[in-house]
Amino acid sequence: MATNPYATPQAELDSGLAEVTPVSWFSHHGRLGVLSYWGMAAVLTLAFLVIGGILGFVAMQVTGWSPSSAESPPALMWLILAPLLLIMIYVGICLAIKRLHDLNMVGWWVLLTLVPIVGMIFSIYLYFWPGKKTPNRFGGWRAAKGWEKVLGIIFMLLMVAGIALSFVAPMVMLGMGGGV
């Protein structure tokens, strides 16, 4: 059998980059788009508030401590709540790394959020700058699921409203609201 030296080469060109990594809360692999990031941040925040509230209530019942007391919370209360806080921080870092992957950036950039002022600006960038809808070195693009879109938009609106109210409320309290 004679082979033609001028024939096009036969090669498998799929590099596997287009594969979409399934989302895992405890993994830093994969990508998260803007609305997915907002939606998962909303779930993480709500879970922390509910579980933290329940654990805090149980800890107050066990220790007998009350928020109205002048003394600081007992160490047992901190021991009960610390694991939850550490889990929340870890999951939040994993989500931020996936968001960075969507922007084709390595996860180490998440450390920039620890720098005062720069970290705030970088966090705004993470929350609002869209990634490309094409595969990158961290995997294929993943469309936001329906619940992520809904929760993401609601959480985004609540955050923006909260920030706006934090500027408006002091003016109203001081009588600078332009009213009567």
N, C-alpha and C. Protein backbone atom coordinates (compact mmCIF):
# COMPACT_ATOMS: atom_id res chain seq x y z
N MET A 1 0.84 -1.17 0.00
CA MET A 1 0.00 0.00 0.00
C MET A 1 0.89 1.23 0.00
N ALA A 2 0.69 2.08 -0.94
CA ALA A 2 1.49 3.30 -1.07
C ALA A 2 0.82 4.43 -0.30
N THR A 3 1.62 5.17 0.44
CA THR A 3 1.08 6.32 1.16
C THR A 3 1.44 7.59 0.41
N ASN A 4 0.54 8.49 0.38
CA ASN A 4 0.74 9.76 -0.31
C ASN A 4 1.45 10.72 0.64
N PRO A 5 2.65 11.20 0.31
CA PRO A 5 3.36 12.11 1.20
C PRO A 5 2.68 13.48 1.31
N TYR A 6 1.74 13.75 0.39
CA TYR A 6 1.07 15.06 0.40
C TYR A 6 -0.32 15.01 1.04
N ALA A 7 -0.69 13.88 1.57
CA ALA A 7 -1.99 13.73 2.21
C ALA A 7 -2.00 14.48 3.54
N THR A 8 -3.18 14.95 3.93
CA THR A 8 -3.29 15.64 5.22
C THR A 8 -3.07 14.65 6.35
N PRO A 9 -2.40 15.08 7.39
CA PRO A 9 -2.14 14.16 8.50
C PRO A 9 -3.44 13.81 9.24
N GLN A 10 -3.49 12.60 9.73
CA GLN A 10 -4.63 12.14 10.51
C GLN A 10 -4.23 12.17 11.98
N ALA A 11 -4.79 13.10 12.70
CA ALA A 11 -4.43 13.23 14.11
C ALA A 11 -5.66 13.58 14.93
N GLU A 12 -5.65 13.16 16.16
CA GLU A 12 -6.70 13.52 17.10
C GLU A 12 -6.33 14.86 17.71
N LEU A 13 -7.10 15.90 17.40
CA LEU A 13 -6.76 17.24 17.84
C LEU A 13 -7.49 17.67 19.10
N ASP A 14 -8.36 16.84 19.62
CA ASP A 14 -9.09 17.18 20.84
C ASP A 14 -8.15 17.10 22.04
N SER A 15 -7.94 18.23 22.70
CA SER A 15 -7.02 18.25 23.83
C SER A 15 -7.72 17.96 25.16
N GLY A 16 -9.03 17.84 25.13
CA GLY A 16 -9.76 17.59 26.37
C GLY A 16 -10.10 18.85 27.14
N LEU A 17 -9.69 20.02 26.62
CA LEU A 17 -9.97 21.27 27.33
C LEU A 17 -11.45 21.63 27.31
N ALA A 18 -12.17 21.13 26.33
CA ALA A 18 -13.58 21.50 26.22
C ALA A 18 -14.46 20.77 27.24
N GLU A 19 -13.90 19.82 27.97
CA GLU A 19 -14.68 19.08 28.95
C GLU A 19 -15.09 20.00 30.10
N VAL A 20 -16.33 19.90 30.48
CA VAL A 20 -16.84 20.70 31.58
C VAL A 20 -16.71 19.90 32.87
N THR A 21 -15.98 20.45 33.83
CA THR A 21 -15.79 19.78 35.11
C THR A 21 -17.06 19.91 35.94
N PRO A 22 -17.59 18.81 36.47
CA PRO A 22 -18.77 18.93 37.33
C PRO A 22 -18.46 19.79 38.56
N VAL A 23 -19.44 20.57 38.97
CA VAL A 23 -19.23 21.48 40.09
C VAL A 23 -19.27 20.72 41.40
N SER A 24 -18.22 20.88 42.18
CA SER A 24 -18.15 20.33 43.52
C SER A 24 -17.85 21.49 44.47
N TRP A 25 -18.56 21.55 45.56
CA TRP A 25 -18.37 22.65 46.50
C TRP A 25 -16.99 22.62 47.14
N PHE A 26 -16.40 21.44 47.28
CA PHE A 26 -15.14 21.30 48.00
C PHE A 26 -13.94 21.10 47.09
N SER A 27 -14.08 21.42 45.82
CA SER A 27 -12.98 21.28 44.87
C SER A 27 -12.72 22.63 44.19
N HIS A 28 -11.46 22.87 43.87
CA HIS A 28 -11.12 24.11 43.18
C HIS A 28 -10.99 23.90 41.67
N HIS A 29 -11.33 22.72 41.18
CA HIS A 29 -11.24 22.42 39.75
C HIS A 29 -12.49 22.89 39.02
N GLY A 30 -12.32 23.37 37.80
CA GLY A 30 -13.44 23.77 36.98
C GLY A 30 -13.59 25.28 36.90
N ARG A 31 -14.72 25.70 36.34
CA ARG A 31 -14.98 27.11 36.10
C ARG A 31 -16.37 27.48 36.60
N LEU A 32 -16.53 28.73 37.01
CA LEU A 32 -17.84 29.27 37.40
C LEU A 32 -18.03 30.62 36.74
N GLY A 33 -19.13 30.78 36.03
CA GLY A 33 -19.46 32.07 35.44
C GLY A 33 -19.97 33.03 36.50
N VAL A 34 -20.26 34.24 36.06
CA VAL A 34 -20.68 35.30 36.99
C VAL A 34 -21.94 34.91 37.76
N LEU A 35 -23.01 34.52 37.04
CA LEU A 35 -24.26 34.20 37.74
C LEU A 35 -24.14 32.93 38.58
N SER A 36 -23.35 31.97 38.13
CA SER A 36 -23.13 30.77 38.94
C SER A 36 -22.42 31.14 40.24
N TYR A 37 -21.45 32.03 40.13
CA TYR A 37 -20.69 32.48 41.30
C TYR A 37 -21.61 33.20 42.29
N TRP A 38 -22.44 34.11 41.78
CA TRP A 38 -23.40 34.81 42.64
C TRP A 38 -24.37 33.83 43.28
N GLY A 39 -24.90 32.89 42.48
CA GLY A 39 -25.86 31.92 43.01
C GLY A 39 -25.27 31.04 44.09
N MET A 40 -24.05 30.56 43.85
CA MET A 40 -23.42 29.69 44.85
C MET A 40 -23.00 30.48 46.08
N ALA A 41 -22.62 31.74 45.90
CA ALA A 41 -22.31 32.59 47.05
C ALA A 41 -23.57 32.80 47.89
N ALA A 42 -24.72 32.93 47.23
CA ALA A 42 -25.98 33.08 47.95
C ALA A 42 -26.29 31.83 48.76
N VAL A 43 -26.13 30.66 48.16
CA VAL A 43 -26.38 29.40 48.87
C VAL A 43 -25.43 29.26 50.05
N LEU A 44 -24.15 29.57 49.82
CA LEU A 44 -23.15 29.48 50.89
C LEU A 44 -23.51 30.41 52.05
N THR A 45 -23.90 31.64 51.73
CA THR A 45 -24.26 32.61 52.75
C THR A 45 -25.50 32.17 53.52
N LEU A 46 -26.53 31.73 52.80
CA LEU A 46 -27.76 31.28 53.46
C LEU A 46 -27.50 30.05 54.33
N ALA A 47 -26.71 29.11 53.82
CA ALA A 47 -26.39 27.91 54.61
C ALA A 47 -25.64 28.29 55.88
N PHE A 48 -24.69 29.21 55.75
CA PHE A 48 -23.93 29.64 56.92
C PHE A 48 -24.84 30.33 57.94
N LEU A 49 -25.76 31.18 57.47
CA LEU A 49 -26.66 31.87 58.39
C LEU A 49 -27.59 30.89 59.11
N VAL A 50 -28.15 29.93 58.37
CA VAL A 50 -29.08 28.98 58.98
C VAL A 50 -28.34 28.03 59.94
N ILE A 51 -27.28 27.39 59.44
CA ILE A 51 -26.55 26.43 60.28
C ILE A 51 -25.86 27.15 61.43
N GLY A 52 -25.28 28.31 61.15
CA GLY A 52 -24.63 29.09 62.20
C GLY A 52 -25.62 29.56 63.25
N GLY A 53 -26.82 29.95 62.81
CA GLY A 53 -27.85 30.36 63.75
C GLY A 53 -28.29 29.22 64.65
N ILE A 54 -28.47 28.05 64.05
CA ILE A 54 -28.87 26.88 64.85
C ILE A 54 -27.77 26.48 65.82
N LEU A 55 -26.53 26.39 65.32
CA LEU A 55 -25.41 26.04 66.20
C LEU A 55 -25.19 27.10 67.28
N GLY A 56 -25.34 28.36 66.92
CA GLY A 56 -25.20 29.44 67.90
C GLY A 56 -26.25 29.35 68.99
N PHE A 57 -27.49 29.05 68.59
CA PHE A 57 -28.56 28.89 69.56
C PHE A 57 -28.28 27.72 70.50
N VAL A 58 -27.86 26.60 69.92
CA VAL A 58 -27.53 25.42 70.74
C VAL A 58 -26.37 25.75 71.68
N ALA A 59 -25.36 26.43 71.15
CA ALA A 59 -24.20 26.79 71.99
C ALA A 59 -24.62 27.71 73.13
N MET A 60 -25.54 28.64 72.86
CA MET A 60 -26.00 29.54 73.93
C MET A 60 -26.78 28.77 74.99
N GLN A 61 -27.55 27.76 74.55
CA GLN A 61 -28.30 26.95 75.51
C GLN A 61 -27.36 26.11 76.37
N VAL A 62 -26.33 25.57 75.75
CA VAL A 62 -25.38 24.72 76.47
C VAL A 62 -24.54 25.54 77.44
N THR A 63 -24.07 26.70 77.00
CA THR A 63 -23.17 27.50 77.83
C THR A 63 -23.90 28.47 78.75
N GLY A 64 -25.16 28.76 78.45
CA GLY A 64 -25.90 29.72 79.26
C GLY A 64 -25.55 31.17 78.96
N TRP A 65 -24.80 31.40 77.89
CA TRP A 65 -24.40 32.76 77.53
C TRP A 65 -25.53 33.46 76.79
N SER A 66 -25.64 34.77 76.96
CA SER A 66 -26.65 35.57 76.28
C SER A 66 -25.98 36.75 75.59
N PRO A 67 -26.43 37.14 74.41
CA PRO A 67 -25.83 38.29 73.73
C PRO A 67 -25.98 39.59 74.52
N SER A 68 -26.96 39.65 75.41
CA SER A 68 -27.17 40.87 76.20
C SER A 68 -26.23 40.95 77.40
N SER A 69 -25.51 39.87 77.68
CA SER A 69 -24.60 39.90 78.83
C SER A 69 -23.34 40.69 78.47
N ALA A 70 -22.70 41.23 79.49
CA ALA A 70 -21.52 42.07 79.28
C ALA A 70 -20.27 41.25 79.01
N GLU A 71 -20.30 39.98 79.33
CA GLU A 71 -19.11 39.15 79.15
C GLU A 71 -19.02 38.61 77.72
N SER A 72 -17.81 38.28 77.33
CA SER A 72 -17.60 37.74 75.98
C SER A 72 -18.05 36.28 75.93
N PRO A 73 -18.35 35.78 74.72
CA PRO A 73 -18.81 34.39 74.61
C PRO A 73 -17.77 33.40 75.13
N PRO A 74 -18.21 32.32 75.76
CA PRO A 74 -17.27 31.33 76.29
C PRO A 74 -16.55 30.58 75.16
N ALA A 75 -15.42 29.99 75.52
CA ALA A 75 -14.59 29.28 74.54
C ALA A 75 -15.34 28.11 73.91
N LEU A 76 -16.22 27.46 74.67
CA LEU A 76 -16.98 26.34 74.13
C LEU A 76 -17.83 26.77 72.94
N MET A 77 -18.38 27.97 73.03
CA MET A 77 -19.19 28.48 71.94
C MET A 77 -18.35 28.66 70.68
N TRP A 78 -17.14 29.16 70.86
CA TRP A 78 -16.25 29.33 69.71
C TRP A 78 -15.84 27.98 69.15
N LEU A 79 -15.64 26.99 70.02
CA LEU A 79 -15.28 25.65 69.55
C LEU A 79 -16.40 25.01 68.73
N ILE A 80 -17.63 25.34 69.06
CA ILE A 80 -18.76 24.80 68.31
C ILE A 80 -18.89 25.48 66.95
N LEU A 81 -18.66 26.80 66.90
CA LEU A 81 -18.86 27.55 65.66
C LEU A 81 -17.63 27.59 64.75
N ALA A 82 -16.44 27.37 65.29
CA ALA A 82 -15.21 27.48 64.49
C ALA A 82 -15.16 26.51 63.31
N PRO A 83 -15.52 25.24 63.47
CA PRO A 83 -15.48 24.35 62.30
C PRO A 83 -16.38 24.82 61.15
N LEU A 84 -17.56 25.33 61.49
CA LEU A 84 -18.46 25.84 60.46
C LEU A 84 -17.82 27.02 59.73
N LEU A 85 -17.21 27.91 60.48
CA LEU A 85 -16.56 29.07 59.88
C LEU A 85 -15.41 28.64 58.97
N LEU A 86 -14.62 27.67 59.40
CA LEU A 86 -13.50 27.18 58.58
C LEU A 86 -14.00 26.52 57.29
N ILE A 87 -15.08 25.76 57.39
CA ILE A 87 -15.66 25.13 56.19
C ILE A 87 -16.16 26.20 55.23
N MET A 88 -16.83 27.22 55.77
CA MET A 88 -17.34 28.29 54.91
C MET A 88 -16.20 29.02 54.21
N ILE A 89 -15.13 29.30 54.92
CA ILE A 89 -13.98 29.98 54.31
C ILE A 89 -13.38 29.12 53.21
N TYR A 90 -13.21 27.82 53.48
CA TYR A 90 -12.64 26.92 52.48
C TYR A 90 -13.51 26.86 51.22
N VAL A 91 -14.82 26.69 51.39
CA VAL A 91 -15.72 26.62 50.23
C VAL A 91 -15.71 27.95 49.48
N GLY A 92 -15.69 29.06 50.20
CA GLY A 92 -15.63 30.37 49.55
C GLY A 92 -14.37 30.54 48.72
N ILE A 93 -13.25 30.04 49.23
CA ILE A 93 -11.99 30.11 48.47
C ILE A 93 -12.08 29.22 47.23
N CYS A 94 -12.66 28.02 47.37
CA CYS A 94 -12.82 27.14 46.21
C CYS A 94 -13.68 27.79 45.14
N LEU A 95 -14.77 28.43 45.54
CA LEU A 95 -15.63 29.12 44.57
C LEU A 95 -14.89 30.26 43.89
N ALA A 96 -14.12 31.03 44.65
CA ALA A 96 -13.37 32.14 44.07
C ALA A 96 -12.31 31.64 43.09
N ILE A 97 -11.67 30.52 43.40
CA ILE A 97 -10.67 29.95 42.48
C ILE A 97 -11.34 29.52 41.18
N LYS A 98 -12.52 28.90 41.28
CA LYS A 98 -13.24 28.50 40.06
C LYS A 98 -13.64 29.73 39.25
N ARG A 99 -13.99 30.79 39.94
CA ARG A 99 -14.33 32.04 39.23
C ARG A 99 -13.10 32.58 38.52
N LEU A 100 -11.94 32.52 39.18
CA LEU A 100 -10.69 32.94 38.54
C LEU A 100 -10.38 32.07 37.33
N HIS A 101 -10.64 30.78 37.43
CA HIS A 101 -10.42 29.88 36.30
C HIS A 101 -11.29 30.29 35.12
N ASP A 102 -12.51 30.76 35.38
CA ASP A 102 -13.38 31.22 34.29
C ASP A 102 -12.77 32.43 33.59
N LEU A 103 -11.99 33.22 34.33
CA LEU A 103 -11.32 34.39 33.76
C LEU A 103 -9.93 34.03 33.23
N ASN A 104 -9.63 32.72 33.16
CA ASN A 104 -8.35 32.19 32.68
C ASN A 104 -7.17 32.66 33.53
N MET A 105 -7.40 32.74 34.83
CA MET A 105 -6.36 33.12 35.78
C MET A 105 -6.14 31.98 36.77
N VAL A 106 -4.92 31.86 37.26
CA VAL A 106 -4.62 30.81 38.24
C VAL A 106 -5.23 31.17 39.60
N GLY A 107 -5.44 30.15 40.41
CA GLY A 107 -6.10 30.33 41.70
C GLY A 107 -5.33 31.15 42.71
N TRP A 108 -4.03 31.28 42.54
CA TRP A 108 -3.23 32.04 43.49
C TRP A 108 -3.66 33.51 43.56
N TRP A 109 -4.31 33.99 42.51
CA TRP A 109 -4.78 35.38 42.52
C TRP A 109 -5.80 35.63 43.64
N VAL A 110 -6.39 34.57 44.19
CA VAL A 110 -7.36 34.73 45.27
C VAL A 110 -6.72 35.40 46.49
N LEU A 111 -5.40 35.26 46.64
CA LEU A 111 -4.70 35.91 47.76
C LEU A 111 -4.78 37.43 47.68
N LEU A 112 -5.02 37.95 46.49
CA LEU A 112 -5.13 39.39 46.33
C LEU A 112 -6.33 39.96 47.09
N THR A 113 -7.33 39.12 47.36
CA THR A 113 -8.50 39.60 48.11
C THR A 113 -8.16 39.92 49.56
N LEU A 114 -7.01 39.47 50.04
CA LEU A 114 -6.59 39.75 51.42
C LEU A 114 -5.93 41.12 51.57
N VAL A 115 -5.58 41.76 50.45
CA VAL A 115 -4.92 43.06 50.49
C VAL A 115 -5.99 44.15 50.63
N PRO A 116 -5.89 45.01 51.64
CA PRO A 116 -6.90 46.06 51.82
C PRO A 116 -7.03 46.94 50.58
N ILE A 117 -8.19 47.39 50.30
CA ILE A 117 -8.61 48.24 49.18
C ILE A 117 -8.42 47.52 47.85
N VAL A 118 -7.22 47.04 47.56
CA VAL A 118 -6.98 46.30 46.31
C VAL A 118 -7.86 45.05 46.30
N GLY A 119 -7.97 44.38 47.43
CA GLY A 119 -8.80 43.19 47.53
C GLY A 119 -10.26 43.48 47.27
N MET A 120 -10.74 44.62 47.74
CA MET A 120 -12.12 45.00 47.50
C MET A 120 -12.37 45.23 46.01
N ILE A 121 -11.45 45.93 45.37
CA ILE A 121 -11.58 46.19 43.93
C ILE A 121 -11.50 44.87 43.16
N PHE A 122 -10.59 43.99 43.56
CA PHE A 122 -10.44 42.70 42.90
C PHE A 122 -11.69 41.85 43.10
N SER A 123 -12.31 41.92 44.26
CA SER A 123 -13.54 41.17 44.51
C SER A 123 -14.67 41.67 43.61
N ILE A 124 -14.75 42.97 43.42
CA ILE A 124 -15.75 43.53 42.50
C ILE A 124 -15.51 43.00 41.09
N TYR A 125 -14.25 42.94 40.69
CA TYR A 125 -13.88 42.38 39.39
C TYR A 125 -14.35 40.93 39.28
N LEU A 126 -14.12 40.14 40.33
CA LEU A 126 -14.55 38.74 40.31
C LEU A 126 -16.07 38.61 40.20
N TYR A 127 -16.78 39.48 40.88
CA TYR A 127 -18.24 39.38 40.90
C TYR A 127 -18.90 39.86 39.62
N PHE A 128 -18.25 40.74 38.86
CA PHE A 128 -18.94 41.33 37.72
C PHE A 128 -18.31 41.08 36.35
N TRP A 129 -17.01 40.80 36.27
CA TRP A 129 -16.37 40.66 34.96
C TRP A 129 -16.71 39.30 34.35
N PRO A 130 -17.30 39.27 33.15
CA PRO A 130 -17.66 37.98 32.56
C PRO A 130 -16.46 37.25 31.99
N GLY A 131 -16.51 35.94 32.04
CA GLY A 131 -15.48 35.11 31.41
C GLY A 131 -15.85 34.84 29.96
N LYS A 132 -14.95 34.22 29.25
CA LYS A 132 -15.20 33.87 27.84
C LYS A 132 -16.02 32.58 27.78
N LYS A 133 -16.88 32.49 26.78
CA LYS A 133 -17.72 31.30 26.62
C LYS A 133 -17.03 30.24 25.78
N THR A 134 -15.72 30.27 25.76
CA THR A 134 -14.94 29.28 25.01
C THR A 134 -14.06 28.51 26.00
N PRO A 135 -13.61 27.33 25.60
CA PRO A 135 -12.73 26.57 26.49
C PRO A 135 -11.43 27.32 26.77
N ASN A 136 -10.91 27.18 27.96
CA ASN A 136 -9.59 27.73 28.28
C ASN A 136 -8.77 26.63 28.94
N ARG A 137 -7.65 26.98 29.51
CA ARG A 137 -6.76 25.94 30.07
C ARG A 137 -7.33 25.26 31.30
N PHE A 138 -8.46 25.76 31.82
CA PHE A 138 -9.07 25.17 33.01
C PHE A 138 -10.33 24.37 32.70
N GLY A 139 -10.67 24.26 31.43
CA GLY A 139 -11.83 23.46 31.04
C GLY A 139 -12.78 24.21 30.15
N GLY A 140 -13.88 23.54 29.86
CA GLY A 140 -14.89 24.12 28.99
C GLY A 140 -15.79 25.08 29.74
N TRP A 141 -16.48 25.92 28.98
CA TRP A 141 -17.41 26.88 29.56
C TRP A 141 -18.63 26.14 30.06
N ARG A 142 -19.14 26.55 31.19
CA ARG A 142 -20.31 25.93 31.81
C ARG A 142 -21.41 26.97 31.93
N ALA A 143 -22.55 26.69 31.35
CA ALA A 143 -23.68 27.61 31.45
C ALA A 143 -24.26 27.55 32.86
N ALA A 144 -24.73 28.69 33.34
CA ALA A 144 -25.34 28.75 34.67
C ALA A 144 -26.67 27.99 34.64
N LYS A 145 -26.92 27.25 35.70
CA LYS A 145 -28.18 26.53 35.83
C LYS A 145 -29.28 27.52 36.21
N GLY A 146 -30.52 27.10 36.05
CA GLY A 146 -31.65 27.99 36.33
C GLY A 146 -31.65 28.54 37.74
N TRP A 147 -31.44 27.67 38.73
CA TRP A 147 -31.46 28.13 40.13
C TRP A 147 -30.31 29.07 40.41
N GLU A 148 -29.16 28.85 39.75
CA GLU A 148 -28.01 29.74 39.94
C GLU A 148 -28.32 31.13 39.41
N LYS A 149 -29.00 31.18 38.26
CA LYS A 149 -29.37 32.47 37.68
C LYS A 149 -30.32 33.23 38.59
N VAL A 150 -31.37 32.54 39.04
CA VAL A 150 -32.38 33.20 39.89
C VAL A 150 -31.76 33.67 41.20
N LEU A 151 -31.09 32.77 41.91
CA LEU A 151 -30.47 33.15 43.18
C LEU A 151 -29.38 34.19 42.97
N GLY A 152 -28.62 34.04 41.88
CA GLY A 152 -27.56 35.00 41.59
C GLY A 152 -28.08 36.40 41.39
N ILE A 153 -29.16 36.54 40.61
CA ILE A 153 -29.73 37.87 40.37
C ILE A 153 -30.33 38.44 41.65
N ILE A 154 -31.05 37.61 42.41
CA ILE A 154 -31.63 38.09 43.68
C ILE A 154 -30.53 38.53 44.64
N PHE A 155 -29.49 37.71 44.80
CA PHE A 155 -28.39 38.03 45.71
C PHE A 155 -27.66 39.29 45.26
N MET A 156 -27.46 39.41 43.94
CA MET A 156 -26.80 40.59 43.39
C MET A 156 -27.61 41.86 43.71
N LEU A 157 -28.92 41.79 43.48
CA LEU A 157 -29.77 42.96 43.76
C LEU A 157 -29.79 43.29 45.24
N LEU A 158 -29.83 42.27 46.10
CA LEU A 158 -29.81 42.52 47.55
C LEU A 158 -28.49 43.16 47.99
N MET A 159 -27.39 42.69 47.42
CA MET A 159 -26.08 43.27 47.78
C MET A 159 -25.98 44.72 47.32
N VAL A 160 -26.39 44.99 46.09
CA VAL A 160 -26.33 46.37 45.57
C VAL A 160 -27.26 47.26 46.39
N ALA A 161 -28.46 46.77 46.72
CA ALA A 161 -29.39 47.55 47.54
C ALA A 161 -28.82 47.79 48.93
N GLY A 162 -28.18 46.79 49.51
CA GLY A 162 -27.56 46.96 50.83
C GLY A 162 -26.45 47.99 50.82
N ILE A 163 -25.64 47.96 49.77
CA ILE A 163 -24.56 48.95 49.66
C ILE A 163 -25.14 50.34 49.47
N ALA A 164 -26.17 50.46 48.63
CA ALA A 164 -26.80 51.77 48.42
C ALA A 164 -27.43 52.28 49.72
N LEU A 165 -28.09 51.40 50.46
CA LEU A 165 -28.70 51.81 51.73
C LEU A 165 -27.66 52.22 52.76
N SER A 166 -26.49 51.62 52.70
CA SER A 166 -25.44 52.00 53.66
C SER A 166 -24.96 53.42 53.42
N PHE A 167 -25.14 53.93 52.21
CA PHE A 167 -24.79 55.32 51.93
C PHE A 167 -25.95 56.27 52.20
N VAL A 168 -27.17 55.80 51.92
CA VAL A 168 -28.35 56.65 52.06
C VAL A 168 -28.80 56.77 53.52
N ALA A 169 -28.76 55.69 54.28
CA ALA A 169 -29.26 55.68 55.65
C ALA A 169 -28.60 56.73 56.54
N PRO A 170 -27.28 56.91 56.52
CA PRO A 170 -26.70 57.95 57.37
C PRO A 170 -27.17 59.36 57.00
N MET A 171 -27.38 59.60 55.70
CA MET A 171 -27.86 60.92 55.29
C MET A 171 -29.27 61.16 55.79
N VAL A 172 -30.11 60.14 55.74
CA VAL A 172 -31.48 60.27 56.23
C VAL A 172 -31.48 60.47 57.74
N MET A 173 -30.62 59.74 58.45
CA MET A 173 -30.54 59.86 59.91
C MET A 173 -30.08 61.25 60.33
N LEU A 174 -29.20 61.84 59.54
CA LEU A 174 -28.68 63.17 59.87
C LEU A 174 -29.54 64.29 59.31
N GLY A 175 -30.62 63.93 58.61
CA GLY A 175 -31.51 64.94 58.07
C GLY A 175 -31.02 65.57 56.79
N MET A 176 -30.11 64.89 56.09
CA MET A 176 -29.58 65.45 54.85
C MET A 176 -30.23 64.81 53.64
N GLY A 177 -31.37 64.19 53.82
CA GLY A 177 -32.04 63.50 52.74
C GLY A 177 -32.76 64.41 51.78
N GLY A 178 -32.76 65.71 52.01
CA GLY A 178 -33.42 66.64 51.10
C GLY A 178 -34.91 66.73 51.34
N GLY A 179 -35.39 66.13 52.42
CA GLY A 179 -36.82 66.14 52.73
C GLY A 179 -37.21 67.42 53.47
N VAL A 180 -38.38 67.39 54.07
CA VAL A 180 -38.94 68.55 54.75
C VAL A 180 -38.17 68.92 55.99
